[in-house]
Amino acid sequence: MRRTNKKKSRKGHCSVERAGFTLIEILFVMAILSIVSLAVYSSFDSGIKIWQRLNKDAPAEDLNIFLEKISDDLRNSFKFTGIEFVGRDKSISFATLVLTELGQRDRGLIVGEVGYGFDEERETLNRWYADYSRVYQDYFRTLTPPC
């Protein structure tokens, strides 16, 4: 609220007008502003914490996805004369059913080779695969899990 205080001089004349806020009004506005600022800060703080939680690495989830995928491939594996089971120190490959990418209408599972390996340099587990027609052309499609 704006108040005008007319101060009378010693002789009784109204000579000076003073306009301003009282100390209580200023303190009240400062209290309201600090409460609003605190609410805004806490909203931003909790939003940042949620964003950080969503964007942090989830190695347990990545490991579960990897184990589920290799389990699927091993369940679908079979002995095939053209593709041998090869197990090395840090990699493995075997015959299984893979998804073909000949075209949208021709998509389906066909015989192919799947391999898994550990890349020491990037410290990632990688999966690669090729359908039977591409196994002998050394054409493998590499799938790298997210970092």
N, C-alpha and C. Protein backbone atom coordinates (compact mmCIF):
# COMPACT_ATOMS: atom_id res chain seq x y z
N MET A 1 0.83 -1.18 0.00
CA MET A 1 0.00 0.00 0.00
C MET A 1 0.87 1.24 0.00
N ARG A 2 0.43 2.15 -0.70
CA ARG A 2 1.17 3.41 -0.77
C ARG A 2 0.49 4.42 0.14
N ARG A 3 1.26 4.99 0.97
CA ARG A 3 0.71 5.98 1.89
C ARG A 3 1.43 7.31 1.70
N THR A 4 0.69 8.27 1.84
CA THR A 4 1.30 9.60 1.81
C THR A 4 1.19 10.20 3.19
N ASN A 5 2.31 10.54 3.68
CA ASN A 5 2.35 11.17 5.00
C ASN A 5 2.67 12.66 4.82
N LYS A 6 1.80 13.42 5.30
CA LYS A 6 2.06 14.86 5.24
C LYS A 6 2.68 15.26 6.56
N LYS A 7 3.85 15.77 6.45
CA LYS A 7 4.54 16.21 7.65
C LYS A 7 4.36 17.71 7.82
N LYS A 8 3.94 18.02 8.96
CA LYS A 8 3.72 19.44 9.23
C LYS A 8 5.00 20.05 9.77
N SER A 9 5.26 21.21 9.32
CA SER A 9 6.42 21.93 9.83
C SER A 9 6.10 22.48 11.21
N ARG A 10 7.04 23.08 11.82
CA ARG A 10 6.85 23.59 13.17
C ARG A 10 5.81 24.70 13.22
N LYS A 11 5.65 25.36 12.16
CA LYS A 11 4.70 26.46 12.16
C LYS A 11 3.28 25.96 11.89
N GLY A 12 3.12 24.67 11.57
CA GLY A 12 1.80 24.11 11.36
C GLY A 12 1.36 24.05 9.91
N HIS A 13 2.26 24.40 9.03
CA HIS A 13 1.91 24.33 7.61
C HIS A 13 2.30 22.97 7.05
N CYS A 14 1.53 22.46 6.10
CA CYS A 14 1.87 21.20 5.42
C CYS A 14 2.81 21.54 4.28
N SER A 15 4.07 21.24 4.48
CA SER A 15 5.03 21.64 3.46
C SER A 15 5.65 20.46 2.71
N VAL A 16 5.87 19.33 3.37
CA VAL A 16 6.58 18.22 2.73
C VAL A 16 5.67 16.99 2.70
N GLU A 17 5.59 16.36 1.52
CA GLU A 17 4.84 15.10 1.42
C GLU A 17 5.84 13.97 1.27
N ARG A 18 5.66 12.90 2.05
CA ARG A 18 6.54 11.75 1.96
C ARG A 18 5.69 10.55 1.53
N ALA A 19 6.16 9.83 0.49
CA ALA A 19 5.47 8.64 0.01
C ALA A 19 6.41 7.46 0.17
N GLY A 20 5.90 6.24 0.55
CA GLY A 20 6.75 5.08 0.71
C GLY A 20 6.02 3.93 1.37
N PHE A 21 6.76 2.85 1.61
CA PHE A 21 6.22 1.66 2.25
C PHE A 21 6.72 1.59 3.68
N THR A 22 5.91 0.99 4.50
CA THR A 22 6.35 0.80 5.88
C THR A 22 7.27 -0.40 5.96
N LEU A 23 8.00 -0.51 7.04
CA LEU A 23 8.93 -1.61 7.24
C LEU A 23 8.19 -2.95 7.28
N ILE A 24 7.04 -2.99 7.88
CA ILE A 24 6.25 -4.23 7.96
C ILE A 24 5.82 -4.69 6.57
N GLU A 25 5.42 -3.77 5.71
CA GLU A 25 5.03 -4.13 4.34
C GLU A 25 6.21 -4.71 3.56
N ILE A 26 7.36 -4.11 3.71
CA ILE A 26 8.54 -4.61 3.00
C ILE A 26 8.93 -5.99 3.52
N LEU A 27 8.89 -6.21 4.82
CA LEU A 27 9.20 -7.52 5.38
C LEU A 27 8.19 -8.57 4.93
N PHE A 28 6.94 -8.21 4.86
CA PHE A 28 5.89 -9.13 4.41
C PHE A 28 6.13 -9.55 2.96
N VAL A 29 6.45 -8.61 2.09
CA VAL A 29 6.72 -8.92 0.67
C VAL A 29 7.96 -9.79 0.55
N MET A 30 8.99 -9.49 1.34
CA MET A 30 10.20 -10.32 1.29
C MET A 30 9.91 -11.75 1.74
N ALA A 31 9.07 -11.90 2.75
CA ALA A 31 8.71 -13.25 3.21
C ALA A 31 7.97 -14.02 2.12
N ILE A 32 7.04 -13.37 1.45
CA ILE A 32 6.28 -14.02 0.36
C ILE A 32 7.23 -14.40 -0.78
N LEU A 33 8.13 -13.49 -1.16
CA LEU A 33 9.08 -13.79 -2.24
C LEU A 33 10.01 -14.94 -1.87
N SER A 34 10.43 -15.00 -0.62
CA SER A 34 11.31 -16.10 -0.23
C SER A 34 10.58 -17.44 -0.25
N ILE A 35 9.31 -17.46 0.12
CA ILE A 35 8.53 -18.71 0.08
C ILE A 35 8.33 -19.15 -1.37
N VAL A 36 8.01 -18.22 -2.26
CA VAL A 36 7.84 -18.56 -3.68
C VAL A 36 9.16 -19.04 -4.26
N SER A 37 10.27 -18.37 -3.93
CA SER A 37 11.58 -18.79 -4.43
C SER A 37 11.94 -20.18 -3.94
N LEU A 38 11.62 -20.48 -2.71
CA LEU A 38 11.89 -21.81 -2.16
C LEU A 38 11.09 -22.89 -2.89
N ALA A 39 9.83 -22.58 -3.20
CA ALA A 39 9.00 -23.54 -3.93
C ALA A 39 9.54 -23.79 -5.34
N VAL A 40 9.95 -22.72 -6.01
CA VAL A 40 10.51 -22.87 -7.36
C VAL A 40 11.81 -23.66 -7.31
N TYR A 41 12.67 -23.35 -6.35
CA TYR A 41 13.95 -24.06 -6.22
C TYR A 41 13.73 -25.54 -5.95
N SER A 42 12.81 -25.87 -5.05
CA SER A 42 12.58 -27.29 -4.75
C SER A 42 12.01 -28.03 -5.95
N SER A 43 11.18 -27.36 -6.75
CA SER A 43 10.65 -28.00 -7.97
C SER A 43 11.78 -28.29 -8.95
N PHE A 44 12.65 -27.32 -9.19
CA PHE A 44 13.78 -27.54 -10.09
C PHE A 44 14.73 -28.60 -9.55
N ASP A 45 14.96 -28.59 -8.27
CA ASP A 45 15.87 -29.56 -7.66
C ASP A 45 15.34 -30.98 -7.82
N SER A 46 14.06 -31.18 -7.54
CA SER A 46 13.51 -32.54 -7.69
C SER A 46 13.45 -32.94 -9.16
N GLY A 47 13.21 -32.00 -10.07
CA GLY A 47 13.23 -32.30 -11.50
C GLY A 47 14.60 -32.73 -11.96
N ILE A 48 15.64 -32.08 -11.48
CA ILE A 48 17.02 -32.44 -11.84
C ILE A 48 17.37 -33.81 -11.28
N LYS A 49 16.94 -34.10 -10.07
CA LYS A 49 17.23 -35.42 -9.48
C LYS A 49 16.54 -36.53 -10.27
N ILE A 50 15.31 -36.31 -10.69
CA ILE A 50 14.61 -37.31 -11.50
C ILE A 50 15.32 -37.50 -12.84
N TRP A 51 15.73 -36.39 -13.47
CA TRP A 51 16.43 -36.48 -14.75
C TRP A 51 17.74 -37.24 -14.59
N GLN A 52 18.49 -36.99 -13.52
CA GLN A 52 19.75 -37.69 -13.30
C GLN A 52 19.51 -39.18 -13.06
N ARG A 53 18.46 -39.51 -12.32
CA ARG A 53 18.17 -40.92 -12.05
C ARG A 53 17.80 -41.66 -13.33
N LEU A 54 17.07 -40.99 -14.22
CA LEU A 54 16.68 -41.63 -15.48
C LEU A 54 17.85 -41.78 -16.44
N ASN A 55 18.80 -40.86 -16.38
CA ASN A 55 19.91 -40.89 -17.33
C ASN A 55 21.16 -41.59 -16.83
N LYS A 56 21.17 -42.06 -15.61
CA LYS A 56 22.37 -42.74 -15.14
C LYS A 56 22.42 -44.16 -15.73
N ASP A 57 23.62 -44.67 -15.82
CA ASP A 57 23.81 -46.01 -16.36
C ASP A 57 23.13 -47.03 -15.47
N ALA A 58 22.54 -48.00 -16.11
CA ALA A 58 21.89 -49.09 -15.39
C ALA A 58 22.55 -50.40 -15.81
N PRO A 59 23.74 -50.70 -15.25
CA PRO A 59 24.45 -51.91 -15.69
C PRO A 59 23.68 -53.18 -15.39
N ALA A 60 22.90 -53.20 -14.33
CA ALA A 60 22.13 -54.41 -14.01
C ALA A 60 21.08 -54.66 -15.09
N GLU A 61 20.42 -53.60 -15.58
CA GLU A 61 19.43 -53.77 -16.64
C GLU A 61 20.10 -54.20 -17.94
N ASP A 62 21.25 -53.59 -18.26
CA ASP A 62 21.97 -53.97 -19.48
C ASP A 62 22.38 -55.44 -19.41
N LEU A 63 22.83 -55.87 -18.26
CA LEU A 63 23.24 -57.27 -18.09
C LEU A 63 22.04 -58.20 -18.24
N ASN A 64 20.89 -57.82 -17.68
CA ASN A 64 19.69 -58.65 -17.82
C ASN A 64 19.26 -58.76 -19.27
N ILE A 65 19.32 -57.67 -20.00
CA ILE A 65 18.95 -57.70 -21.42
C ILE A 65 19.92 -58.59 -22.20
N PHE A 66 21.21 -58.46 -21.91
CA PHE A 66 22.20 -59.29 -22.58
C PHE A 66 21.97 -60.77 -22.29
N LEU A 67 21.76 -61.11 -21.03
CA LEU A 67 21.55 -62.52 -20.67
C LEU A 67 20.27 -63.07 -21.27
N GLU A 68 19.24 -62.25 -21.35
CA GLU A 68 17.99 -62.70 -21.98
C GLU A 68 18.20 -62.97 -23.47
N LYS A 69 18.95 -62.09 -24.13
CA LYS A 69 19.20 -62.26 -25.57
C LYS A 69 20.06 -63.49 -25.84
N ILE A 70 21.12 -63.69 -25.07
CA ILE A 70 21.97 -64.87 -25.30
C ILE A 70 21.21 -66.15 -24.93
N SER A 71 20.33 -66.08 -23.94
CA SER A 71 19.52 -67.26 -23.59
C SER A 71 18.59 -67.61 -24.74
N ASP A 72 17.98 -66.60 -25.34
CA ASP A 72 17.11 -66.84 -26.50
C ASP A 72 17.89 -67.50 -27.63
N ASP A 73 19.07 -66.95 -27.91
CA ASP A 73 19.88 -67.50 -29.00
C ASP A 73 20.33 -68.93 -28.69
N LEU A 74 20.69 -69.21 -27.46
CA LEU A 74 21.12 -70.57 -27.10
C LEU A 74 19.95 -71.56 -27.14
N ARG A 75 18.77 -71.11 -26.75
CA ARG A 75 17.59 -72.00 -26.83
C ARG A 75 17.27 -72.35 -28.28
N ASN A 76 17.51 -71.40 -29.20
CA ASN A 76 17.23 -71.63 -30.61
C ASN A 76 18.41 -72.24 -31.36
N SER A 77 19.50 -72.53 -30.68
CA SER A 77 20.67 -73.07 -31.36
C SER A 77 20.47 -74.55 -31.68
N PHE A 78 21.21 -75.01 -32.65
CA PHE A 78 21.14 -76.41 -33.08
C PHE A 78 22.42 -76.74 -33.83
N LYS A 79 22.65 -78.01 -34.05
CA LYS A 79 23.83 -78.43 -34.78
C LYS A 79 23.53 -78.29 -36.27
N PHE A 80 24.40 -77.58 -36.94
CA PHE A 80 24.23 -77.33 -38.36
C PHE A 80 25.57 -77.57 -39.03
N THR A 81 25.59 -78.33 -40.08
CA THR A 81 26.87 -78.74 -40.67
C THR A 81 27.65 -77.58 -41.27
N GLY A 82 27.00 -76.55 -41.72
CA GLY A 82 27.71 -75.43 -42.35
C GLY A 82 28.27 -74.44 -41.35
N ILE A 83 27.74 -74.41 -40.15
CA ILE A 83 28.18 -73.43 -39.15
C ILE A 83 28.59 -74.18 -37.89
N GLU A 84 29.84 -74.03 -37.49
CA GLU A 84 30.32 -74.75 -36.31
C GLU A 84 30.20 -73.90 -35.05
N PHE A 85 30.12 -74.59 -33.94
CA PHE A 85 30.18 -73.92 -32.64
C PHE A 85 31.64 -73.58 -32.37
N VAL A 86 31.93 -72.30 -32.14
CA VAL A 86 33.30 -71.87 -31.90
C VAL A 86 33.33 -71.09 -30.59
N GLY A 87 34.10 -71.59 -29.66
CA GLY A 87 34.26 -70.89 -28.39
C GLY A 87 35.71 -70.50 -28.19
N ARG A 88 35.95 -69.24 -27.98
CA ARG A 88 37.30 -68.75 -27.76
C ARG A 88 37.38 -68.12 -26.37
N ASP A 89 38.52 -67.54 -26.10
CA ASP A 89 38.75 -66.96 -24.78
C ASP A 89 37.74 -65.87 -24.43
N LYS A 90 37.47 -64.96 -25.39
CA LYS A 90 36.58 -63.84 -25.11
C LYS A 90 35.45 -63.74 -26.11
N SER A 91 35.16 -64.81 -26.83
CA SER A 91 34.06 -64.78 -27.78
C SER A 91 33.49 -66.18 -27.98
N ILE A 92 32.28 -66.18 -28.53
CA ILE A 92 31.59 -67.44 -28.81
C ILE A 92 30.70 -67.20 -30.02
N SER A 93 30.58 -68.21 -30.89
CA SER A 93 29.66 -68.11 -32.02
C SER A 93 29.08 -69.49 -32.31
N PHE A 94 27.84 -69.50 -32.80
CA PHE A 94 27.13 -70.75 -33.01
C PHE A 94 25.97 -70.54 -33.97
N ALA A 95 25.44 -71.64 -34.47
CA ALA A 95 24.30 -71.60 -35.39
C ALA A 95 23.01 -71.46 -34.59
N THR A 96 22.14 -70.61 -35.08
CA THR A 96 20.85 -70.38 -34.43
C THR A 96 19.90 -69.77 -35.45
N LEU A 97 18.71 -69.45 -35.01
CA LEU A 97 17.75 -68.76 -35.87
C LEU A 97 17.95 -67.26 -35.72
N VAL A 98 18.11 -66.56 -36.85
CA VAL A 98 18.30 -65.11 -36.83
C VAL A 98 17.22 -64.45 -37.67
N LEU A 99 17.00 -63.19 -37.42
CA LEU A 99 16.02 -62.42 -38.16
C LEU A 99 16.63 -61.97 -39.49
N THR A 100 15.98 -62.29 -40.58
CA THR A 100 16.47 -61.89 -41.89
C THR A 100 15.99 -60.48 -42.20
N GLU A 101 16.75 -59.78 -43.05
CA GLU A 101 16.39 -58.42 -43.42
C GLU A 101 16.31 -58.29 -44.94
N LEU A 102 15.73 -59.25 -45.59
CA LEU A 102 15.64 -59.22 -47.05
C LEU A 102 14.64 -58.15 -47.50
N GLY A 103 13.64 -57.93 -46.77
CA GLY A 103 12.63 -56.95 -47.09
C GLY A 103 11.52 -57.02 -46.05
N GLN A 104 10.65 -56.05 -46.07
CA GLN A 104 9.59 -56.02 -45.06
C GLN A 104 8.67 -57.24 -45.19
N ARG A 105 8.38 -57.65 -46.40
CA ARG A 105 7.46 -58.78 -46.59
C ARG A 105 8.13 -60.11 -46.31
N ASP A 106 9.46 -60.17 -46.48
CA ASP A 106 10.19 -61.43 -46.34
C ASP A 106 10.83 -61.58 -44.97
N ARG A 107 10.51 -60.73 -44.03
CA ARG A 107 11.14 -60.82 -42.71
C ARG A 107 10.72 -62.10 -42.02
N GLY A 108 11.67 -62.70 -41.36
CA GLY A 108 11.37 -63.92 -40.63
C GLY A 108 12.64 -64.51 -40.06
N LEU A 109 12.47 -65.60 -39.33
CA LEU A 109 13.62 -66.27 -38.74
C LEU A 109 14.15 -67.30 -39.72
N ILE A 110 15.46 -67.26 -39.95
CA ILE A 110 16.10 -68.25 -40.80
C ILE A 110 17.39 -68.69 -40.11
N VAL A 111 18.02 -69.71 -40.66
CA VAL A 111 19.26 -70.23 -40.10
C VAL A 111 20.36 -69.20 -40.30
N GLY A 112 21.16 -69.01 -39.27
CA GLY A 112 22.25 -68.07 -39.34
C GLY A 112 23.26 -68.32 -38.24
N GLU A 113 24.22 -67.44 -38.14
CA GLU A 113 25.26 -67.55 -37.12
C GLU A 113 25.20 -66.32 -36.22
N VAL A 114 25.32 -66.55 -34.93
CA VAL A 114 25.33 -65.48 -33.95
C VAL A 114 26.62 -65.58 -33.15
N GLY A 115 27.21 -64.44 -32.85
CA GLY A 115 28.41 -64.43 -32.05
C GLY A 115 28.34 -63.37 -30.96
N TYR A 116 28.99 -63.66 -29.87
CA TYR A 116 29.09 -62.74 -28.75
C TYR A 116 30.55 -62.60 -28.38
N GLY A 117 30.95 -61.40 -28.04
CA GLY A 117 32.33 -61.19 -27.67
C GLY A 117 32.50 -60.00 -26.75
N PHE A 118 33.62 -60.00 -26.07
CA PHE A 118 33.95 -58.91 -25.15
C PHE A 118 35.04 -58.06 -25.78
N ASP A 119 34.78 -56.76 -25.90
CA ASP A 119 35.75 -55.83 -26.44
C ASP A 119 36.48 -55.18 -25.27
N GLU A 120 37.76 -55.56 -25.09
CA GLU A 120 38.53 -55.07 -23.94
C GLU A 120 38.78 -53.56 -24.01
N GLU A 121 38.97 -53.07 -25.21
CA GLU A 121 39.30 -51.65 -25.36
C GLU A 121 38.15 -50.75 -24.90
N ARG A 122 36.93 -51.08 -25.34
CA ARG A 122 35.76 -50.28 -24.95
C ARG A 122 35.03 -50.85 -23.75
N GLU A 123 35.44 -52.02 -23.31
CA GLU A 123 34.81 -52.74 -22.19
C GLU A 123 33.32 -52.92 -22.41
N THR A 124 32.97 -53.46 -23.59
CA THR A 124 31.56 -53.70 -23.92
C THR A 124 31.39 -55.15 -24.37
N LEU A 125 30.19 -55.64 -24.19
CA LEU A 125 29.80 -56.94 -24.73
C LEU A 125 29.11 -56.68 -26.06
N ASN A 126 29.54 -57.35 -27.10
CA ASN A 126 29.00 -57.13 -28.44
C ASN A 126 28.32 -58.39 -28.95
N ARG A 127 27.34 -58.17 -29.79
CA ARG A 127 26.63 -59.28 -30.45
C ARG A 127 26.71 -59.01 -31.96
N TRP A 128 27.00 -60.04 -32.73
CA TRP A 128 26.97 -59.92 -34.17
C TRP A 128 26.24 -61.13 -34.73
N TYR A 129 25.68 -60.94 -35.92
CA TYR A 129 24.95 -62.06 -36.52
C TYR A 129 24.95 -61.93 -38.03
N ALA A 130 24.71 -63.04 -38.68
CA ALA A 130 24.59 -63.09 -40.13
C ALA A 130 23.67 -64.24 -40.49
N ASP A 131 22.82 -64.02 -41.50
CA ASP A 131 21.98 -65.15 -41.93
C ASP A 131 22.83 -66.11 -42.77
N TYR A 132 22.31 -67.29 -43.03
CA TYR A 132 23.08 -68.37 -43.66
C TYR A 132 23.66 -67.94 -45.00
N SER A 133 22.93 -67.15 -45.77
CA SER A 133 23.42 -66.76 -47.09
C SER A 133 24.61 -65.81 -46.98
N ARG A 134 24.77 -65.15 -45.85
CA ARG A 134 25.85 -64.19 -45.70
C ARG A 134 27.01 -64.72 -44.85
N VAL A 135 26.85 -65.88 -44.23
CA VAL A 135 27.91 -66.43 -43.38
C VAL A 135 29.18 -66.64 -44.19
N TYR A 136 29.06 -67.13 -45.39
CA TYR A 136 30.24 -67.45 -46.18
C TYR A 136 30.79 -66.24 -46.93
N GLN A 137 30.07 -65.12 -46.88
CA GLN A 137 30.58 -63.89 -47.48
C GLN A 137 31.27 -63.03 -46.42
N ASP A 138 31.40 -63.54 -45.20
CA ASP A 138 31.97 -62.81 -44.07
C ASP A 138 31.26 -61.48 -43.84
N TYR A 139 29.96 -61.47 -44.05
CA TYR A 139 29.17 -60.28 -43.80
C TYR A 139 28.44 -60.47 -42.47
N PHE A 140 28.86 -59.73 -41.48
CA PHE A 140 28.23 -59.82 -40.17
C PHE A 140 27.70 -58.44 -39.80
N ARG A 141 26.54 -58.44 -39.21
CA ARG A 141 25.94 -57.19 -38.71
C ARG A 141 26.27 -57.13 -37.23
N THR A 142 26.95 -56.08 -36.81
CA THR A 142 27.38 -55.94 -35.42
C THR A 142 26.37 -55.12 -34.65
N LEU A 143 26.01 -55.62 -33.51
CA LEU A 143 25.14 -54.89 -32.60
C LEU A 143 25.92 -54.63 -31.32
N THR A 144 26.08 -53.38 -30.97
CA THR A 144 26.81 -53.01 -29.75
C THR A 144 25.80 -52.49 -28.75
N PRO A 145 25.83 -53.02 -27.53
CA PRO A 145 24.88 -52.51 -26.54
C PRO A 145 25.20 -51.08 -26.17
N PRO A 146 24.18 -50.33 -25.68
CA PRO A 146 24.43 -48.93 -25.33
C PRO A 146 25.48 -48.81 -24.24
N CYS A 147 26.26 -47.75 -24.30
CA CYS A 147 27.34 -47.54 -23.32
C CYS A 147 26.79 -47.25 -21.95
